[in-house]
Amino acid sequence: MSIIRGKKVRHSERGQAVLEYVILIVVVALAALFVLANFSDRLRSMVTGVTVTLGGQEDDSASKSSLEIVQDLDKTGADYGTNN
C-alpha cells in the first residue's frame, strides 16, 4: 500500500509544479500586456527615432497616439498591402 501512496504523492507534486509554471507564465504575460498598454506611445516613438537615425523615413503615425491609430483602424480597416 505504501508504494501506491508514494506514486500518488509524486504525481500530485508533478501536477503542482506544472500548475506553478502555468501561473508564472500567466503573470508574466499579464505584466507584458500592462507594460505595452501603458508605454506603447513611448515605445513607438523610440522605435521611430531609431528608424530615422538609421536612415529611414518618419511616417505620420509618429505624431499620433495609440488610441488615435486604433480609432483610424476602426474607420478604415487594416491595410496589409493587398489591392483587393
PDB file of N, CA and C in Angstrom:
ATOM      1  N   MET A   1       0.803  -1.205   0.000  1.00  0.00           N
ATOM      2  CA  MET A   1       0.000   0.000   0.000  1.00  0.00           C
ATOM      3  C   MET A   1       0.845   1.268   0.000  1.00  0.00           C
ATOM      4  N   SER A   2       2.027   1.203   0.622  1.00  0.00           N
ATOM      5  CA  SER A   2       2.845   2.414   0.691  1.00  0.00           C
ATOM      6  C   SER A   2       3.373   2.808  -0.692  1.00  0.00           C
ATOM      7  N   ILE A   3       3.577   1.829  -1.586  1.00  0.00           N
ATOM      8  CA  ILE A   3       4.047   2.146  -2.934  1.00  0.00           C
ATOM      9  C   ILE A   3       2.974   2.935  -3.685  1.00  0.00           C
ATOM     10  N   ILE A   4       1.747   2.532  -3.550  1.00  0.00           N
ATOM     11  CA  ILE A   4       0.653   3.239  -4.219  1.00  0.00           C
ATOM     12  C   ILE A   4       0.548   4.659  -3.671  1.00  0.00           C
ATOM     13  N   ARG A   5       0.669   4.817  -2.383  1.00  0.00           N
ATOM     14  CA  ARG A   5       0.613   6.163  -1.794  1.00  0.00           C
ATOM     15  C   ARG A   5       1.781   7.009  -2.288  1.00  0.00           C
ATOM     16  N   GLY A   6       2.959   6.418  -2.393  1.00  0.00           N
ATOM     17  CA  GLY A   6       4.130   7.148  -2.878  1.00  0.00           C
ATOM     18  C   GLY A   6       3.942   7.631  -4.301  1.00  0.00           C
ATOM     19  N   LYS A   7       3.350   6.810  -5.149  1.00  0.00           N
ATOM     20  CA  LYS A   7       3.119   7.226  -6.540  1.00  0.00           C
ATOM     21  C   LYS A   7       2.107   8.355  -6.606  1.00  0.00           C
ATOM     22  N   LYS A   8       1.101   8.286  -5.772  1.00  0.00           N
ATOM     23  CA  LYS A   8       0.108   9.361  -5.782  1.00  0.00           C
ATOM     24  C   LYS A   8       0.729  10.675  -5.334  1.00  0.00           C
ATOM     25  N   VAL A   9       1.602  10.617  -4.369  1.00  0.00           N
ATOM     26  CA  VAL A   9       2.245  11.838  -3.900  1.00  0.00           C
ATOM     27  C   VAL A   9       3.143  12.413  -4.992  1.00  0.00           C
ATOM     28  N   ARG A  10       3.917  11.569  -5.662  1.00  0.00           N
ATOM     29  CA  ARG A  10       4.792  12.052  -6.732  1.00  0.00           C
ATOM     30  C   ARG A  10       3.986  12.660  -7.868  1.00  0.00           C
ATOM     31  N   HIS A  11       2.908  12.009  -8.251  1.00  0.00           N
ATOM     32  CA  HIS A  11       2.061  12.529  -9.322  1.00  0.00           C
ATOM     33  C   HIS A  11       1.467  13.875  -8.913  1.00  0.00           C
ATOM     34  N   SER A  12       1.046  13.984  -7.683  1.00  0.00           N
ATOM     35  CA  SER A  12       0.472  15.234  -7.197  1.00  0.00           C
ATOM     36  C   SER A  12       1.520  16.340  -7.189  1.00  0.00           C
ATOM     37  N   GLU A  13       2.758  16.025  -6.816  1.00  0.00           N
ATOM     38  CA  GLU A  13       3.808  17.027  -6.798  1.00  0.00           C
ATOM     39  C   GLU A  13       4.155  17.486  -8.210  1.00  0.00           C
ATOM     40  N   ARG A  14       4.157  16.582  -9.177  1.00  0.00           N
ATOM     41  CA  ARG A  14       4.413  16.971 -10.566  1.00  0.00           C
ATOM     42  C   ARG A  14       3.312  17.882 -11.083  1.00  0.00           C
ATOM     43  N   GLY A  15       2.076  17.541 -10.763  1.00  0.00           N
ATOM     44  CA  GLY A  15       0.960  18.387 -11.184  1.00  0.00           C
ATOM     45  C   GLY A  15       1.030  19.763 -10.563  1.00  0.00           C
ATOM     46  N   GLN A  16       1.480  19.810  -9.315  1.00  0.00           N
ATOM     47  CA  GLN A  16       1.629  21.092  -8.637  1.00  0.00           C
ATOM     48  C   GLN A  16       2.717  21.927  -9.315  1.00  0.00           C
ATOM     49  N   ALA A  17       3.805  21.326  -9.709  1.00  0.00           N
ATOM     50  CA  ALA A  17       4.886  22.047 -10.375  1.00  0.00           C
ATOM     51  C   ALA A  17       4.423  22.600 -11.719  1.00  0.00           C
ATOM     52  N   VAL A  18       3.679  21.810 -12.466  1.00  0.00           N
ATOM     53  CA  VAL A  18       3.160  22.271 -13.757  1.00  0.00           C
ATOM     54  C   VAL A  18       2.222  23.445 -13.547  1.00  0.00           C
ATOM     55  N   LEU A  19       1.375  23.360 -12.547  1.00  0.00           N
ATOM     56  CA  LEU A  19       0.445  24.445 -12.257  1.00  0.00           C
ATOM     57  C   LEU A  19       1.200  25.716 -11.869  1.00  0.00           C
ATOM     58  N   GLU A  20       2.262  25.578 -11.104  1.00  0.00           N
ATOM     59  CA  GLU A  20       3.061  26.746 -10.735  1.00  0.00           C
ATOM     60  C   GLU A  20       3.687  27.395 -11.965  1.00  0.00           C
ATOM     61  N   TYR A  21       4.180  26.599 -12.907  1.00  0.00           N
ATOM     62  CA  TYR A  21       4.739  27.152 -14.144  1.00  0.00           C
ATOM     63  C   TYR A  21       3.666  27.862 -14.960  1.00  0.00           C
ATOM     64  N   VAL A  22       2.488  27.300 -15.033  1.00  0.00           N
ATOM     65  CA  VAL A  22       1.391  27.929 -15.788  1.00  0.00           C
ATOM     66  C   VAL A  22       1.028  29.265 -15.152  1.00  0.00           C
ATOM     67  N   ILE A  23       0.945  29.300 -13.834  1.00  0.00           N
ATOM     68  CA  ILE A  23       0.627  30.553 -13.147  1.00  0.00           C
ATOM     69  C   ILE A  23       1.719  31.580 -13.400  1.00  0.00           C
ATOM     70  N   LEU A  24       2.965  31.162 -13.364  1.00  0.00           N
ATOM     71  CA  LEU A  24       4.077  32.070 -13.624  1.00  0.00           C
ATOM     72  C   LEU A  24       4.013  32.637 -15.040  1.00  0.00           C
ATOM     73  N   ILE A  25       3.710  31.815 -16.015  1.00  0.00           N
ATOM     74  CA  ILE A  25       3.604  32.270 -17.412  1.00  0.00           C
ATOM     75  C   ILE A  25       2.462  33.262 -17.565  1.00  0.00           C
ATOM     76  N   VAL A  26       1.338  33.001 -16.909  1.00  0.00           N
ATOM     77  CA  VAL A  26       0.191  33.911 -16.987  1.00  0.00           C
ATOM     78  C   VAL A  26       0.540  35.263 -16.362  1.00  0.00           C
ATOM     79  N   VAL A  27       1.222  35.255 -15.235  1.00  0.00           N
ATOM     80  CA  VAL A  27       1.605  36.508 -14.577  1.00  0.00           C
ATOM     81  C   VAL A  27       2.567  37.302 -15.462  1.00  0.00           C
ATOM     82  N   VAL A  28       3.527  36.633 -16.082  1.00  0.00           N
ATOM     83  CA  VAL A  28       4.477  37.321 -16.977  1.00  0.00           C
ATOM     84  C   VAL A  28       3.746  37.885 -18.190  1.00  0.00           C
ATOM     85  N   ALA A  29       2.812  37.137 -18.751  1.00  0.00           N
ATOM     86  CA  ALA A  29       2.054  37.619 -19.911  1.00  0.00           C
ATOM     87  C   ALA A  29       1.212  38.841 -19.543  1.00  0.00           C
ATOM     88  N   LEU A  30       0.571  38.805 -18.393  1.00  0.00           N
ATOM     89  CA  LEU A  30      -0.224  39.959 -17.964  1.00  0.00           C
ATOM     90  C   LEU A  30       0.662  41.174 -17.714  1.00  0.00           C
ATOM     91  N   ALA A  31       1.828  40.970 -17.143  1.00  0.00           N
ATOM     92  CA  ALA A  31       2.754  42.081 -16.924  1.00  0.00           C
ATOM     93  C   ALA A  31       3.209  42.673 -18.257  1.00  0.00           C
ATOM     94  N   ALA A  32       3.479  41.824 -19.240  1.00  0.00           N
ATOM     95  CA  ALA A  32       3.883  42.311 -20.562  1.00  0.00           C
ATOM     96  C   ALA A  32       2.762  43.124 -21.210  1.00  0.00           C
ATOM     97  N   LEU A  33       1.538  42.651 -21.097  1.00  0.00           N
ATOM     98  CA  LEU A  33       0.405  43.408 -21.650  1.00  0.00           C
ATOM     99  C   LEU A  33       0.237  44.749 -20.949  1.00  0.00           C
ATOM    100  N   PHE A  34       0.428  44.761 -19.640  1.00  0.00           N
ATOM    101  CA  PHE A  34       0.330  46.009 -18.880  1.00  0.00           C
ATOM    102  C   PHE A  34       1.382  47.008 -19.342  1.00  0.00           C
ATOM    103  N   VAL A  35       2.617  46.544 -19.504  1.00  0.00           N
ATOM    104  CA  VAL A  35       3.697  47.423 -19.947  1.00  0.00           C
ATOM    105  C   VAL A  35       3.419  47.946 -21.353  1.00  0.00           C
ATOM    106  N   LEU A  36       2.996  47.083 -22.250  1.00  0.00           N
ATOM    107  CA  LEU A  36       2.701  47.522 -23.620  1.00  0.00           C
ATOM    108  C   LEU A  36       1.541  48.501 -23.661  1.00  0.00           C
ATOM    109  N   ALA A  37       0.524  48.261 -22.848  1.00  0.00           N
ATOM    110  CA  ALA A  37      -0.635  49.155 -22.841  1.00  0.00           C
ATOM    111  C   ALA A  37      -0.265  50.536 -22.302  1.00  0.00           C
ATOM    112  N   ASN A  38       0.570  50.581 -21.285  1.00  0.00           N
ATOM    113  CA  ASN A  38       0.884  51.865 -20.662  1.00  0.00           C
ATOM    114  C   ASN A  38       2.028  52.619 -21.337  1.00  0.00           C
ATOM    115  N   PHE A  39       2.904  51.923 -22.021  1.00  0.00           N
ATOM    116  CA  PHE A  39       4.070  52.577 -22.606  1.00  0.00           C
ATOM    117  C   PHE A  39       4.127  52.456 -24.127  1.00  0.00           C
ATOM    118  N   SER A  40       3.018  52.130 -24.777  1.00  0.00           N
ATOM    119  CA  SER A  40       3.040  51.907 -26.224  1.00  0.00           C
ATOM    120  C   SER A  40       3.419  53.170 -26.996  1.00  0.00           C
ATOM    121  N   ASP A  41       2.929  54.316 -26.568  1.00  0.00           N
ATOM    122  CA  ASP A  41       3.281  55.556 -27.275  1.00  0.00           C
ATOM    123  C   ASP A  41       4.765  55.844 -27.151  1.00  0.00           C
ATOM    124  N   ARG A  42       5.314  55.663 -25.974  1.00  0.00           N
ATOM    125  CA  ARG A  42       6.740  55.912 -25.758  1.00  0.00           C
ATOM    126  C   ARG A  42       7.587  54.909 -26.547  1.00  0.00           C
ATOM    127  N   LEU A  43       7.184  53.645 -26.539  1.00  0.00           N
ATOM    128  CA  LEU A  43       7.930  52.625 -27.286  1.00  0.00           C
ATOM    129  C   LEU A  43       7.898  52.913 -28.780  1.00  0.00           C
ATOM    130  N   ARG A  44       6.739  53.329 -29.291  1.00  0.00           N
ATOM    131  CA  ARG A  44       6.624  53.629 -30.710  1.00  0.00           C
ATOM    132  C   ARG A  44       7.494  54.816 -31.094  1.00  0.00           C
ATOM    133  N   SER A  45       7.538  55.838 -30.241  1.00  0.00           N
ATOM    134  CA  SER A  45       8.387  56.997 -30.550  1.00  0.00           C
ATOM    135  C   SER A  45       9.865  56.625 -30.485  1.00  0.00           C
ATOM    136  N   MET A  46      10.237  55.719 -29.581  1.00  0.00           N
ATOM    137  CA  MET A  46      11.629  55.268 -29.523  1.00  0.00           C
ATOM    138  C   MET A  46      12.002  54.489 -30.779  1.00  0.00           C
ATOM    139  N   VAL A  47      11.127  53.611 -31.238  1.00  0.00           N
ATOM    140  CA  VAL A  47      11.391  52.833 -32.446  1.00  0.00           C
ATOM    141  C   VAL A  47      11.459  53.761 -33.664  1.00  0.00           C
ATOM    142  N   THR A  48      10.590  54.752 -33.705  1.00  0.00           N
ATOM    143  CA  THR A  48      10.621  55.714 -34.804  1.00  0.00           C
ATOM    144  C   THR A  48      11.938  56.484 -34.797  1.00  0.00           C
ATOM    145  N   GLY A  49      12.402  56.876 -33.615  1.00  0.00           N
ATOM    146  CA  GLY A  49      13.674  57.584 -33.507  1.00  0.00           C
ATOM    147  C   GLY A  49      14.838  56.747 -34.004  1.00  0.00           C
ATOM    148  N   VAL A  50      14.839  55.475 -33.656  1.00  0.00           N
ATOM    149  CA  VAL A  50      15.903  54.575 -34.117  1.00  0.00           C
ATOM    150  C   VAL A  50      15.825  54.406 -35.630  1.00  0.00           C
ATOM    151  N   THR A  51      14.615  54.273 -36.160  1.00  0.00           N
ATOM    152  CA  THR A  51      14.441  54.111 -37.604  1.00  0.00           C
ATOM    153  C   THR A  51      14.958  55.334 -38.361  1.00  0.00           C
ATOM    154  N   VAL A  52      14.623  56.518 -37.878  1.00  0.00           N
ATOM    155  CA  VAL A  52      15.089  57.746 -38.532  1.00  0.00           C
ATOM    156  C   VAL A  52      16.606  57.854 -38.419  1.00  0.00           C
ATOM    157  N   THR A  53      17.160  57.490 -37.269  1.00  0.00           N
ATOM    158  CA  THR A  53      18.604  57.545 -37.081  1.00  0.00           C
ATOM    159  C   THR A  53      19.329  56.617 -38.051  1.00  0.00           C
ATOM    160  N   LEU A  54      18.748  55.464 -38.328  1.00  0.00           N
ATOM    161  CA  LEU A  54      19.372  54.502 -39.221  1.00  0.00           C
ATOM    162  C   LEU A  54      19.095  54.787 -40.691  1.00  0.00           C
ATOM    163  N   GLY A  55      18.434  55.898 -40.979  1.00  0.00           N
ATOM    164  CA  GLY A  55      18.245  56.298 -42.366  1.00  0.00           C
ATOM    165  C   GLY A  55      16.851  56.074 -42.903  1.00  0.00           C
ATOM    166  N   GLY A  56      15.919  55.718 -42.082  1.00  0.00           N
ATOM    167  CA  GLY A  56      14.542  55.528 -42.539  1.00  0.00           C
ATOM    168  C   GLY A  56      13.793  56.845 -42.567  1.00  0.00           C
ATOM    169  N   GLN A  57      12.551  56.776 -42.992  1.00  0.00           N
ATOM    170  CA  GLN A  57      11.720  57.971 -43.051  1.00  0.00           C
ATOM    171  C   GLN A  57      10.659  57.899 -41.959  1.00  0.00           C
ATOM    172  N   GLU A  58      10.390  59.050 -41.359  1.00  0.00           N
ATOM    173  CA  GLU A  58       9.363  59.128 -40.322  1.00  0.00           C
ATOM    174  C   GLU A  58       7.999  59.250 -40.997  1.00  0.00           C
ATOM    175  N   ASP A  59       7.064  58.412 -40.575  1.00  0.00           N
ATOM    176  CA  ASP A  59       5.719  58.500 -41.151  1.00  0.00           C
ATOM    177  C   ASP A  59       4.828  59.336 -40.245  1.00  0.00           C
ATOM    178  N   ASP A  60       3.594  59.550 -40.673  1.00  0.00           N
ATOM    179  CA  ASP A  60       2.682  60.412 -39.931  1.00  0.00           C
ATOM    180  C   ASP A  60       2.150  59.765 -38.653  1.00  0.00           C
ATOM    181  N   SER A  61       2.333  58.470 -38.476  1.00  0.00           N
ATOM    182  CA  SER A  61       1.820  57.819 -37.270  1.00  0.00           C
ATOM    183  C   SER A  61       2.661  58.147 -36.039  1.00  0.00           C
ATOM    184  N   ALA A  62       3.856  58.714 -36.221  1.00  0.00           N
ATOM    185  CA  ALA A  62       4.711  59.048 -35.083  1.00  0.00           C
ATOM    186  C   ALA A  62       4.112  60.174 -34.250  1.00  0.00           C
ATOM    187  N   SER A  63       3.323  61.018 -34.875  1.00  0.00           N
ATOM    188  CA  SER A  63       2.730  62.141 -34.145  1.00  0.00           C
ATOM    189  C   SER A  63       1.379  61.798 -33.532  1.00  0.00           C
ATOM    190  N   LYS A  64       0.851  60.609 -33.807  1.00  0.00           N
ATOM    191  CA  LYS A  64      -0.455  60.201 -33.276  1.00  0.00           C
ATOM    192  C   LYS A  64      -0.281  59.346 -32.034  1.00  0.00           C
ATOM    193  N   SER A  65      -1.295  59.354 -31.190  1.00  0.00           N
ATOM    194  CA  SER A  65      -1.283  58.459 -30.034  1.00  0.00           C
ATOM    195  C   SER A  65      -1.802  57.092 -30.466  1.00  0.00           C
ATOM    196  N   SER A  66      -1.581  56.103 -29.628  1.00  0.00           N
ATOM    197  CA  SER A  66      -2.035  54.751 -29.942  1.00  0.00           C
ATOM    198  C   SER A  66      -3.554  54.700 -30.076  1.00  0.00           C
ATOM    199  N   LEU A  67      -4.246  55.455 -29.256  1.00  0.00           N
ATOM    200  CA  LEU A  67      -5.709  55.479 -29.313  1.00  0.00           C
ATOM    201  C   LEU A  67      -6.187  56.024 -30.650  1.00  0.00           C
ATOM    202  N   GLU A  68      -5.541  57.071 -31.163  1.00  0.00           N
ATOM    203  CA  GLU A  68      -5.918  57.638 -32.463  1.00  0.00           C
ATOM    204  C   GLU A  68      -5.664  56.641 -33.587  1.00  0.00           C
ATOM    205  N   ILE A  69      -4.577  55.894 -33.501  1.00  0.00           N
ATOM    206  CA  ILE A  69      -4.272  54.903 -34.532  1.00  0.00           C
ATOM    207  C   ILE A  69      -5.321  53.801 -34.544  1.00  0.00           C
ATOM    208  N   VAL A  70      -5.722  53.339 -33.370  1.00  0.00           N
ATOM    209  CA  VAL A  70      -6.741  52.287 -33.283  1.00  0.00           C
ATOM    210  C   VAL A  70      -8.078  52.802 -33.792  1.00  0.00           C
ATOM    211  N   GLN A  71      -8.422  54.043 -33.474  1.00  0.00           N
ATOM    212  CA  GLN A  71      -9.675  54.606 -33.977  1.00  0.00           C
ATOM    213  C   GLN A  71      -9.647  54.724 -35.495  1.00  0.00           C
ATOM    214  N   ASP A  72      -8.502  55.089 -36.072  1.00  0.00           N
ATOM    215  CA  ASP A  72      -8.381  55.137 -37.526  1.00  0.00           C
ATOM    216  C   ASP A  72      -8.534  53.750 -38.133  1.00  0.00           C
ATOM    217  N   LEU A  73      -8.002  52.724 -37.466  1.00  0.00           N
ATOM    218  CA  LEU A  73      -8.167  51.360 -37.968  1.00  0.00           C
ATOM    219  C   LEU A  73      -9.627  50.948 -37.960  1.00  0.00           C
ATOM    220  N   ASP A  74     -10.364  51.382 -36.938  1.00  0.00           N
ATOM    221  CA  ASP A  74     -11.790  51.062 -36.898  1.00  0.00           C
ATOM    222  C   ASP A  74     -12.523  51.689 -38.076  1.00  0.00           C
ATOM    223  N   LYS A  75     -12.111  52.878 -38.479  1.00  0.00           N
ATOM    224  CA  LYS A  75     -12.779  53.578 -39.572  1.00  0.00           C
ATOM    225  C   LYS A  75     -12.378  53.025 -40.941  1.00  0.00           C
ATOM    226  N   THR A  76     -11.080  52.806 -41.132  1.00  0.00           N
ATOM    227  CA  THR A  76     -10.587  52.443 -42.456  1.00  0.00           C
ATOM    228  C   THR A  76     -10.255  50.971 -42.613  1.00  0.00           C
ATOM    229  N   GLY A  77     -10.102  50.255 -41.518  1.00  0.00           N
ATOM    230  CA  GLY A  77      -9.687  48.866 -41.580  1.00  0.00           C
ATOM    231  C   GLY A  77      -8.169  48.777 -41.674  1.00  0.00           C
ATOM    232  N   ALA A  78      -7.673  47.583 -41.587  1.00  0.00           N
ATOM    233  CA  ALA A  78      -6.216  47.373 -41.652  1.00  0.00           C
ATOM    234  C   ALA A  78      -5.805  47.194 -43.104  1.00  0.00           C
ATOM    235  N   ASP A  79      -4.738  47.865 -43.503  1.00  0.00           N
ATOM    236  CA  ASP A  79      -4.217  47.775 -44.858  1.00  0.00           C
ATOM    237  C   ASP A  79      -2.967  46.906 -44.822  1.00  0.00           C
ATOM    238  N   TYR A  80      -3.065  45.731 -45.412  1.00  0.00           N
ATOM    239  CA  TYR A  80      -1.937  44.799 -45.416  1.00  0.00           C
ATOM    240  C   TYR A  80      -1.194  44.813 -46.751  1.00  0.00           C
ATOM    241  N   GLY A  81      -1.383  45.836 -47.546  1.00  0.00           N
ATOM    242  CA  GLY A  81      -0.663  45.955 -48.789  1.00  0.00           C
ATOM    243  C   GLY A  81      -1.283  45.170 -49.935  1.00  0.00           C
ATOM    244  N   THR A  82      -2.460  44.650 -49.767  1.00  0.00           N
ATOM    245  CA  THR A  82      -3.125  43.940 -50.855  1.00  0.00           C
ATOM    246  C   THR A  82      -4.024  44.894 -51.609  1.00  0.00           C
ATOM    247  N   ASN A  83      -4.182  44.656 -52.855  1.00  0.00           N
ATOM    248  CA  ASN A  83      -5.021  45.514 -53.698  1.00  0.00           C
ATOM    249  C   ASN A  83      -6.329  44.813 -54.040  1.00  0.00           C
ATOM    250  N   ASN A  84      -7.084  44.474 -53.037  1.00  0.00           N
ATOM    251  CA  ASN A  84      -8.388  43.800 -53.244  1.00  0.00           C
ATOM    252  C   ASN A  84      -9.491  44.786 -53.307  1.00  0.00           C
TER     253      ASN A  84
END
